[in-house]
Each structure stands twice: as structure tokens, then as C-alpha cells.
N, C-alpha and C. Protein backbone atom coordinates (compact mmCIF):
# COMPACT_ATOMS: atom_id res chain seq x y z
N MET A 1 0.82 -1.19 0.00
CA MET A 1 0.00 0.00 0.00
C MET A 1 0.88 1.27 0.00
N LYS A 2 1.96 1.22 0.80
CA LYS A 2 2.86 2.37 0.85
C LYS A 2 3.50 2.63 -0.51
N LYS A 3 3.86 1.54 -1.20
CA LYS A 3 4.46 1.70 -2.52
C LYS A 3 3.47 2.31 -3.50
N LEU A 4 2.21 1.91 -3.40
CA LEU A 4 1.17 2.44 -4.28
C LEU A 4 0.95 3.94 -4.03
N LEU A 5 0.93 4.34 -2.76
CA LEU A 5 0.79 5.75 -2.41
C LEU A 5 1.99 6.56 -2.89
N ALA A 6 3.19 6.01 -2.71
CA ALA A 6 4.40 6.71 -3.15
C ALA A 6 4.40 6.86 -4.67
N LEU A 7 3.99 5.82 -5.38
CA LEU A 7 3.91 5.87 -6.84
C LEU A 7 2.88 6.91 -7.28
N GLY A 8 1.76 6.96 -6.62
CA GLY A 8 0.72 7.95 -6.93
C GLY A 8 1.22 9.37 -6.70
N ALA A 9 1.93 9.58 -5.59
CA ALA A 9 2.47 10.91 -5.29
C ALA A 9 3.51 11.32 -6.33
N LEU A 10 4.35 10.38 -6.74
CA LEU A 10 5.36 10.66 -7.76
C LEU A 10 4.71 11.01 -9.09
N ALA A 11 3.68 10.29 -9.47
CA ALA A 11 2.97 10.56 -10.72
C ALA A 11 2.32 11.95 -10.66
N ALA A 12 1.71 12.29 -9.54
CA ALA A 12 1.08 13.61 -9.40
C ALA A 12 2.11 14.72 -9.51
N LEU A 13 3.28 14.51 -8.92
CA LEU A 13 4.35 15.49 -8.99
C LEU A 13 4.81 15.69 -10.43
N CYS A 14 4.97 14.60 -11.16
CA CYS A 14 5.40 14.69 -12.56
C CYS A 14 4.38 15.44 -13.41
N PHE A 15 3.11 15.13 -13.26
CA PHE A 15 2.07 15.79 -14.04
C PHE A 15 1.95 17.26 -13.68
N SER A 16 2.08 17.61 -12.41
CA SER A 16 1.97 19.01 -12.01
C SER A 16 3.18 19.80 -12.51
N ALA A 17 4.35 19.20 -12.54
CA ALA A 17 5.54 19.89 -13.05
C ALA A 17 5.35 20.22 -14.53
N THR A 18 4.76 19.31 -15.29
CA THR A 18 4.50 19.55 -16.71
C THR A 18 3.51 20.69 -16.88
N ALA A 19 2.47 20.72 -16.05
CA ALA A 19 1.47 21.77 -16.15
C ALA A 19 2.08 23.13 -15.84
N PHE A 20 2.94 23.20 -14.84
CA PHE A 20 3.54 24.48 -14.46
C PHE A 20 4.57 24.94 -15.48
N ALA A 21 5.11 24.04 -16.28
CA ALA A 21 6.14 24.40 -17.26
C ALA A 21 5.54 24.97 -18.55
N ALA A 22 4.21 24.87 -18.72
CA ALA A 22 3.58 25.36 -19.93
C ALA A 22 3.85 26.85 -20.11
N ASP A 23 4.07 27.26 -21.36
CA ASP A 23 4.32 28.65 -21.67
C ASP A 23 3.08 29.48 -21.33
N PRO A 24 3.23 30.55 -20.55
CA PRO A 24 2.06 31.31 -20.11
C PRO A 24 1.34 32.06 -21.23
N ILE A 25 1.94 32.23 -22.39
CA ILE A 25 1.29 32.96 -23.48
C ILE A 25 0.25 32.09 -24.20
N LEU A 26 0.40 30.78 -24.14
CA LEU A 26 -0.47 29.90 -24.91
C LEU A 26 -1.92 30.00 -24.45
N GLY A 27 -2.83 30.03 -25.44
CA GLY A 27 -4.25 30.09 -25.14
C GLY A 27 -4.90 31.30 -25.78
N THR A 28 -6.09 31.61 -25.29
CA THR A 28 -6.90 32.69 -25.84
C THR A 28 -6.92 33.89 -24.90
N TRP A 29 -6.76 35.08 -25.48
CA TRP A 29 -6.72 36.34 -24.74
C TRP A 29 -7.76 37.28 -25.35
N THR A 30 -8.49 38.02 -24.48
CA THR A 30 -9.50 38.96 -24.94
C THR A 30 -9.10 40.38 -24.55
N LEU A 31 -9.22 41.31 -25.47
CA LEU A 31 -8.84 42.71 -25.25
C LEU A 31 -9.69 43.34 -24.16
N ASP A 32 -9.03 44.01 -23.21
CA ASP A 32 -9.69 44.82 -22.19
C ASP A 32 -9.60 46.26 -22.67
N VAL A 33 -10.65 46.73 -23.31
CA VAL A 33 -10.66 48.05 -23.93
C VAL A 33 -10.43 49.14 -22.89
N SER A 34 -11.01 48.98 -21.69
CA SER A 34 -10.92 50.01 -20.66
C SER A 34 -9.50 50.21 -20.13
N LYS A 35 -8.65 49.19 -20.21
CA LYS A 35 -7.28 49.29 -19.71
C LYS A 35 -6.26 49.60 -20.80
N SER A 36 -6.69 49.55 -22.06
CA SER A 36 -5.78 49.75 -23.19
C SER A 36 -5.65 51.23 -23.54
N GLN A 37 -4.51 51.59 -24.11
CA GLN A 37 -4.26 52.95 -24.59
C GLN A 37 -4.01 52.85 -26.09
N PHE A 38 -4.89 53.47 -26.85
CA PHE A 38 -4.85 53.30 -28.30
C PHE A 38 -4.09 54.42 -28.99
N GLY A 39 -3.53 54.06 -30.13
CA GLY A 39 -2.89 55.03 -31.01
C GLY A 39 -3.95 55.66 -31.88
N PRO A 40 -3.64 55.86 -33.16
CA PRO A 40 -4.59 56.53 -34.05
C PRO A 40 -5.87 55.73 -34.30
N THR A 41 -5.81 54.41 -34.13
CA THR A 41 -6.99 53.58 -34.38
C THR A 41 -7.49 53.00 -33.07
N ARG A 42 -8.67 53.45 -32.65
CA ARG A 42 -9.28 52.94 -31.42
C ARG A 42 -9.96 51.60 -31.73
N LEU A 43 -9.80 50.65 -30.82
CA LEU A 43 -10.41 49.33 -30.98
C LEU A 43 -11.60 49.19 -30.04
N SER A 44 -12.59 48.40 -30.48
CA SER A 44 -13.75 48.13 -29.63
C SER A 44 -13.75 46.69 -29.13
N ALA A 45 -12.94 45.82 -29.75
CA ALA A 45 -12.85 44.42 -29.34
C ALA A 45 -11.62 43.79 -29.95
N GLY A 46 -11.18 42.69 -29.37
CA GLY A 46 -10.04 41.98 -29.92
C GLY A 46 -9.81 40.65 -29.23
N THR A 47 -9.29 39.71 -30.00
CA THR A 47 -8.95 38.39 -29.47
C THR A 47 -7.61 37.97 -30.06
N ARG A 48 -6.78 37.40 -29.22
CA ARG A 48 -5.51 36.80 -29.66
C ARG A 48 -5.51 35.34 -29.22
N VAL A 49 -5.10 34.47 -30.13
CA VAL A 49 -4.96 33.04 -29.80
C VAL A 49 -3.53 32.65 -30.15
N TYR A 50 -2.80 32.16 -29.13
CA TYR A 50 -1.41 31.72 -29.30
C TYR A 50 -1.35 30.21 -29.20
N THR A 51 -0.65 29.60 -30.16
CA THR A 51 -0.38 28.16 -30.14
C THR A 51 1.11 27.96 -30.38
N GLU A 52 1.58 26.75 -30.11
CA GLU A 52 3.00 26.44 -30.29
C GLU A 52 3.14 25.00 -30.75
N SER A 53 4.06 24.78 -31.69
CA SER A 53 4.37 23.44 -32.14
C SER A 53 5.85 23.38 -32.49
N LYS A 54 6.58 22.53 -31.81
CA LYS A 54 8.01 22.31 -32.08
C LYS A 54 8.82 23.60 -32.08
N GLY A 55 8.52 24.48 -31.12
CA GLY A 55 9.28 25.72 -30.99
C GLY A 55 8.82 26.87 -31.86
N THR A 56 7.85 26.62 -32.74
CA THR A 56 7.29 27.69 -33.56
C THR A 56 5.95 28.11 -32.97
N TYR A 57 5.84 29.40 -32.69
CA TYR A 57 4.61 29.95 -32.13
C TYR A 57 3.79 30.56 -33.25
N THR A 58 2.47 30.52 -33.09
CA THR A 58 1.55 31.15 -34.03
C THR A 58 0.61 32.06 -33.26
N LEU A 59 0.44 33.28 -33.75
CA LEU A 59 -0.51 34.23 -33.21
C LEU A 59 -1.60 34.44 -34.26
N ASP A 60 -2.84 34.13 -33.90
CA ASP A 60 -4.00 34.47 -34.72
C ASP A 60 -4.72 35.60 -33.99
N GLN A 61 -4.85 36.73 -34.67
CA GLN A 61 -5.41 37.92 -34.04
C GLN A 61 -6.60 38.43 -34.83
N LYS A 62 -7.67 38.77 -34.10
CA LYS A 62 -8.85 39.39 -34.70
C LYS A 62 -9.16 40.64 -33.89
N LEU A 63 -9.19 41.78 -34.57
CA LEU A 63 -9.46 43.05 -33.92
C LEU A 63 -10.67 43.70 -34.59
N THR A 64 -11.41 44.49 -33.81
CA THR A 64 -12.53 45.26 -34.34
C THR A 64 -12.30 46.72 -33.98
N THR A 65 -12.28 47.58 -35.00
CA THR A 65 -12.09 49.01 -34.75
C THR A 65 -13.39 49.62 -34.22
N ALA A 66 -13.28 50.83 -33.69
CA ALA A 66 -14.44 51.51 -33.12
C ALA A 66 -15.54 51.71 -34.15
N ASP A 67 -15.19 51.80 -35.44
CA ASP A 67 -16.20 51.98 -36.49
C ASP A 67 -16.70 50.65 -37.06
N GLY A 68 -16.32 49.53 -36.42
CA GLY A 68 -16.84 48.22 -36.81
C GLY A 68 -16.03 47.44 -37.82
N LYS A 69 -14.93 47.98 -38.29
CA LYS A 69 -14.09 47.28 -39.27
C LYS A 69 -13.33 46.14 -38.57
N GLU A 70 -13.38 44.96 -39.17
CA GLU A 70 -12.67 43.81 -38.61
C GLU A 70 -11.31 43.64 -39.28
N ILE A 71 -10.30 43.42 -38.47
CA ILE A 71 -8.93 43.24 -38.95
C ILE A 71 -8.43 41.90 -38.42
N SER A 72 -8.00 41.02 -39.31
CA SER A 72 -7.44 39.73 -38.90
C SER A 72 -6.00 39.65 -39.36
N SER A 73 -5.17 39.05 -38.53
CA SER A 73 -3.78 38.83 -38.93
C SER A 73 -3.28 37.54 -38.30
N LYS A 74 -2.25 37.01 -38.92
CA LYS A 74 -1.62 35.79 -38.43
C LYS A 74 -0.11 35.97 -38.54
N ALA A 75 0.59 35.58 -37.50
CA ALA A 75 2.05 35.68 -37.51
C ALA A 75 2.64 34.45 -36.85
N THR A 76 3.79 34.03 -37.33
CA THR A 76 4.53 32.94 -36.70
C THR A 76 5.89 33.48 -36.28
N TYR A 77 6.46 32.86 -35.25
CA TYR A 77 7.77 33.30 -34.79
C TYR A 77 8.47 32.20 -34.00
N ARG A 78 9.80 32.31 -33.94
CA ARG A 78 10.66 31.40 -33.17
C ARG A 78 11.67 32.26 -32.43
N ASN A 79 12.04 31.84 -31.24
CA ASN A 79 13.01 32.57 -30.45
C ASN A 79 14.35 32.66 -31.18
N GLY A 80 14.85 33.89 -31.35
CA GLY A 80 16.16 34.11 -31.94
C GLY A 80 16.24 33.91 -33.44
N LYS A 81 15.12 33.73 -34.09
CA LYS A 81 15.10 33.48 -35.54
C LYS A 81 14.26 34.53 -36.25
N GLU A 82 14.74 35.00 -37.37
CA GLU A 82 13.91 35.86 -38.21
C GLU A 82 12.98 34.95 -39.00
N THR A 83 11.68 35.23 -38.93
CA THR A 83 10.68 34.37 -39.53
C THR A 83 9.92 35.14 -40.60
N LYS A 84 9.87 34.58 -41.81
CA LYS A 84 9.10 35.19 -42.89
C LYS A 84 7.62 35.13 -42.54
N GLN A 85 6.89 36.20 -42.88
CA GLN A 85 5.45 36.25 -42.66
C GLN A 85 4.74 36.15 -43.99
N GLY A 86 3.44 35.90 -43.94
CA GLY A 86 2.65 35.82 -45.17
C GLY A 86 2.62 37.14 -45.89
N ALA A 87 2.02 37.15 -47.07
CA ALA A 87 1.93 38.37 -47.87
C ALA A 87 1.27 39.48 -47.07
N SER A 88 1.96 40.59 -46.94
CA SER A 88 1.45 41.72 -46.16
C SER A 88 2.10 43.00 -46.65
N ASP A 89 1.33 44.07 -46.62
CA ASP A 89 1.89 45.37 -46.95
C ASP A 89 2.63 45.96 -45.76
N VAL A 90 2.44 45.37 -44.59
CA VAL A 90 2.95 45.92 -43.34
C VAL A 90 4.36 45.43 -43.03
N ALA A 91 4.52 44.11 -42.89
CA ALA A 91 5.81 43.53 -42.53
C ALA A 91 5.94 42.18 -43.23
N ASP A 92 7.16 41.87 -43.67
CA ASP A 92 7.36 40.59 -44.34
C ASP A 92 8.17 39.60 -43.50
N SER A 93 8.69 40.06 -42.35
CA SER A 93 9.38 39.15 -41.44
C SER A 93 9.33 39.70 -40.02
N THR A 94 9.51 38.79 -39.08
CA THR A 94 9.51 39.13 -37.66
C THR A 94 10.73 38.51 -37.01
N MET A 95 11.44 39.31 -36.22
CA MET A 95 12.56 38.81 -35.43
C MET A 95 12.11 38.78 -33.97
N ALA A 96 12.10 37.59 -33.36
CA ALA A 96 11.60 37.43 -31.99
C ALA A 96 12.75 37.11 -31.04
N LYS A 97 12.68 37.68 -29.84
CA LYS A 97 13.68 37.40 -28.81
C LYS A 97 12.97 37.21 -27.48
N LYS A 98 13.16 36.03 -26.90
CA LYS A 98 12.59 35.74 -25.59
C LYS A 98 13.50 36.32 -24.52
N ILE A 99 12.95 37.21 -23.69
CA ILE A 99 13.71 37.87 -22.63
C ILE A 99 13.71 36.99 -21.38
N ASP A 100 12.54 36.50 -21.00
CA ASP A 100 12.38 35.57 -19.89
C ASP A 100 11.10 34.78 -20.12
N ALA A 101 10.68 33.98 -19.16
CA ALA A 101 9.52 33.10 -19.35
C ALA A 101 8.25 33.87 -19.73
N ASN A 102 8.14 35.14 -19.31
CA ASN A 102 6.91 35.90 -19.53
C ASN A 102 7.07 37.08 -20.50
N THR A 103 8.27 37.31 -21.02
CA THR A 103 8.53 38.52 -21.80
C THR A 103 9.22 38.22 -23.12
N TRP A 104 8.72 38.82 -24.20
CA TRP A 104 9.32 38.71 -25.53
C TRP A 104 9.42 40.11 -26.14
N ASP A 105 10.42 40.31 -26.97
CA ASP A 105 10.55 41.50 -27.80
C ASP A 105 10.55 41.07 -29.26
N PHE A 106 9.95 41.90 -30.11
CA PHE A 106 9.84 41.60 -31.53
C PHE A 106 10.21 42.82 -32.36
N GLU A 107 10.86 42.57 -33.48
CA GLU A 107 11.07 43.59 -34.50
C GLU A 107 10.27 43.16 -35.72
N LEU A 108 9.45 44.07 -36.23
CA LEU A 108 8.73 43.83 -37.47
C LEU A 108 9.55 44.46 -38.58
N LYS A 109 9.80 43.69 -39.65
CA LYS A 109 10.65 44.17 -40.73
C LYS A 109 9.91 44.13 -42.06
N LYS A 110 10.25 45.10 -42.90
CA LYS A 110 9.75 45.15 -44.27
C LYS A 110 10.94 45.40 -45.18
N ASP A 111 11.18 44.49 -46.11
CA ASP A 111 12.32 44.59 -47.02
C ASP A 111 13.64 44.76 -46.27
N GLY A 112 13.78 44.05 -45.14
CA GLY A 112 15.01 44.07 -44.35
C GLY A 112 15.14 45.23 -43.39
N LYS A 113 14.22 46.18 -43.44
CA LYS A 113 14.28 47.37 -42.59
C LYS A 113 13.28 47.24 -41.44
N VAL A 114 13.71 47.56 -40.20
CA VAL A 114 12.83 47.52 -39.04
C VAL A 114 11.79 48.63 -39.18
N VAL A 115 10.50 48.23 -39.13
CA VAL A 115 9.41 49.20 -39.26
C VAL A 115 8.52 49.26 -38.02
N GLY A 116 8.73 48.34 -37.08
CA GLY A 116 7.92 48.33 -35.86
C GLY A 116 8.54 47.49 -34.77
N HIS A 117 8.14 47.79 -33.53
CA HIS A 117 8.61 47.05 -32.36
C HIS A 117 7.42 46.63 -31.52
N VAL A 118 7.55 45.45 -30.90
CA VAL A 118 6.52 44.96 -29.98
C VAL A 118 7.23 44.45 -28.74
N HIS A 119 6.72 44.86 -27.57
CA HIS A 119 7.20 44.34 -26.29
C HIS A 119 6.00 43.70 -25.62
N ARG A 120 6.08 42.39 -25.37
CA ARG A 120 4.93 41.62 -24.87
C ARG A 120 5.27 40.99 -23.54
N THR A 121 4.40 41.19 -22.53
CA THR A 121 4.64 40.64 -21.20
C THR A 121 3.36 40.00 -20.66
N VAL A 122 3.51 38.79 -20.12
CA VAL A 122 2.44 38.13 -19.39
C VAL A 122 2.71 38.37 -17.90
N SER A 123 1.68 38.78 -17.16
CA SER A 123 1.84 39.05 -15.73
C SER A 123 2.28 37.79 -14.98
N ALA A 124 2.85 37.98 -13.80
CA ALA A 124 3.35 36.85 -12.99
C ALA A 124 2.25 35.84 -12.68
N ASP A 125 1.01 36.31 -12.51
CA ASP A 125 -0.09 35.38 -12.21
C ASP A 125 -0.67 34.74 -13.47
N GLY A 126 -0.18 35.14 -14.66
CA GLY A 126 -0.62 34.54 -15.92
C GLY A 126 -1.98 34.98 -16.40
N LYS A 127 -2.56 36.01 -15.79
CA LYS A 127 -3.92 36.42 -16.13
C LYS A 127 -4.01 37.62 -17.07
N THR A 128 -2.91 38.39 -17.20
CA THR A 128 -2.93 39.62 -17.99
C THR A 128 -1.77 39.64 -18.98
N LEU A 129 -2.08 40.00 -20.20
CA LEU A 129 -1.10 40.15 -21.26
C LEU A 129 -1.05 41.63 -21.65
N THR A 130 0.13 42.23 -21.61
CA THR A 130 0.30 43.62 -22.02
C THR A 130 1.20 43.66 -23.25
N VAL A 131 0.71 44.30 -24.30
CA VAL A 131 1.43 44.39 -25.57
C VAL A 131 1.65 45.86 -25.90
N ARG A 132 2.92 46.26 -25.92
CA ARG A 132 3.28 47.64 -26.27
C ARG A 132 3.81 47.65 -27.70
N ASN A 133 3.11 48.38 -28.56
CA ASN A 133 3.46 48.46 -29.98
C ASN A 133 3.97 49.85 -30.31
N SER A 134 4.98 49.92 -31.15
CA SER A 134 5.42 51.20 -31.70
C SER A 134 5.78 50.99 -33.17
N GLY A 135 5.57 52.03 -33.96
CA GLY A 135 5.80 51.91 -35.39
C GLY A 135 4.62 51.23 -36.05
N VAL A 136 4.88 50.48 -37.10
CA VAL A 136 3.82 49.79 -37.82
C VAL A 136 3.45 48.51 -37.07
N LYS A 137 2.18 48.12 -37.16
CA LYS A 137 1.70 46.92 -36.48
C LYS A 137 1.12 45.95 -37.49
N LEU A 138 1.03 44.68 -37.12
CA LEU A 138 0.49 43.67 -38.03
C LEU A 138 -0.94 43.97 -38.43
N SER A 139 -1.65 44.76 -37.61
CA SER A 139 -3.03 45.13 -37.95
C SER A 139 -3.08 46.12 -39.11
N GLY A 140 -1.91 46.71 -39.48
CA GLY A 140 -1.86 47.63 -40.59
C GLY A 140 -1.81 49.09 -40.17
N THR A 141 -2.04 49.37 -38.90
CA THR A 141 -1.98 50.74 -38.42
C THR A 141 -0.56 51.05 -37.95
N SER A 142 -0.30 52.32 -37.64
CA SER A 142 1.00 52.68 -37.10
C SER A 142 0.83 53.68 -35.97
N GLY A 143 1.87 53.83 -35.15
CA GLY A 143 1.82 54.72 -34.00
C GLY A 143 2.16 53.96 -32.74
N GLU A 144 1.88 54.57 -31.61
CA GLU A 144 2.16 53.97 -30.30
C GLU A 144 0.84 53.48 -29.69
N GLU A 145 0.86 52.33 -29.04
CA GLU A 145 -0.31 51.85 -28.33
C GLU A 145 0.10 50.82 -27.29
N THR A 146 -0.72 50.68 -26.28
CA THR A 146 -0.56 49.62 -25.27
C THR A 146 -1.88 48.89 -25.19
N LEU A 147 -1.86 47.62 -25.55
CA LEU A 147 -3.06 46.79 -25.51
C LEU A 147 -2.97 45.85 -24.32
N VAL A 148 -4.06 45.75 -23.56
CA VAL A 148 -4.12 44.88 -22.39
C VAL A 148 -5.17 43.81 -22.66
N PHE A 149 -4.78 42.55 -22.46
CA PHE A 149 -5.65 41.41 -22.71
C PHE A 149 -5.82 40.59 -21.44
N ASP A 150 -6.99 39.95 -21.29
CA ASP A 150 -7.26 39.05 -20.17
C ASP A 150 -7.27 37.61 -20.68
N LYS A 151 -6.70 36.71 -19.90
CA LYS A 151 -6.66 35.28 -20.27
C LYS A 151 -8.06 34.70 -20.18
N GLN A 152 -8.42 33.90 -21.15
CA GLN A 152 -9.74 33.25 -21.14
C GLN A 152 -9.62 31.81 -20.70
């Protein structure tokens, strides 16, 4: 019986360690309009979904402007690698750098030239995502903004 309990405790420890090791960015995030600071384009809603496979992350983003226009974008990235993006007038590649478990910095590039910066941080409790954008953004707008998202 003692061996069975010890085995059960060991299994629980292994599974909990795996759960705690999950990247805090993964999942669905919803824009908190009241906490966000917008640039030239005010948003009324937004959702970000982050997934990861074999070290490549994917961001699927859907934003709604205050006048009801929907903007969708998709980006992929890898830590320390410049990653080509799909056809876009905004940026054709992204350079990603992981700062720590909760923080990443990104350079958006067009024709080899940096056209935008993104600083992304997940709060220590994993419930809030803050995205600071400057320059051009994947949504197609430009300027400075701070978007705050809540984990779903």
C-alpha cells in the first residue's frame, strides 16, 4: 500500500511539473478596452490566440475598430530566428527574442528594414497580457499603443 501511495504521489508530482512548465502565453486572450491605450486607431474588441508546435509559435489575431471594421492577422515566430510572414503590406518578417519566461521582444521588418517594435509581457499570475506596440503593427496601423488582454 505504501508503494502504491508513493507511486501515486510521484505521478502527481510529474504531471503538475508539466502543467507548471507550460508557456504562459499559450491560449486565448481577450482585449480589455478600458485598460488599453490606443494610437490613431481605437479598438472596440479583440482576441488573440497563441499556439506552439516544435518551438514555432503562431498568433491568430482578430481586432474590431471603433467603427466596426474587422482586422485579422496571423504571424509565426521562433526565439532568436527571423521568420518570414505571409503576404502583407505591413511587414514581411519578424525577429523574436525571448527575454524571460513571460517577456518577448519583436522587430517587425519590411524589405530588411525595421518598421515596428513589440514588447509583450504576461503578468506573474498569468492572467494579464500587455502588448506595447510602436511603429507599424500587423493590424496595418502605425503609432504607439498599449493593448491589455485578459486570459480566457
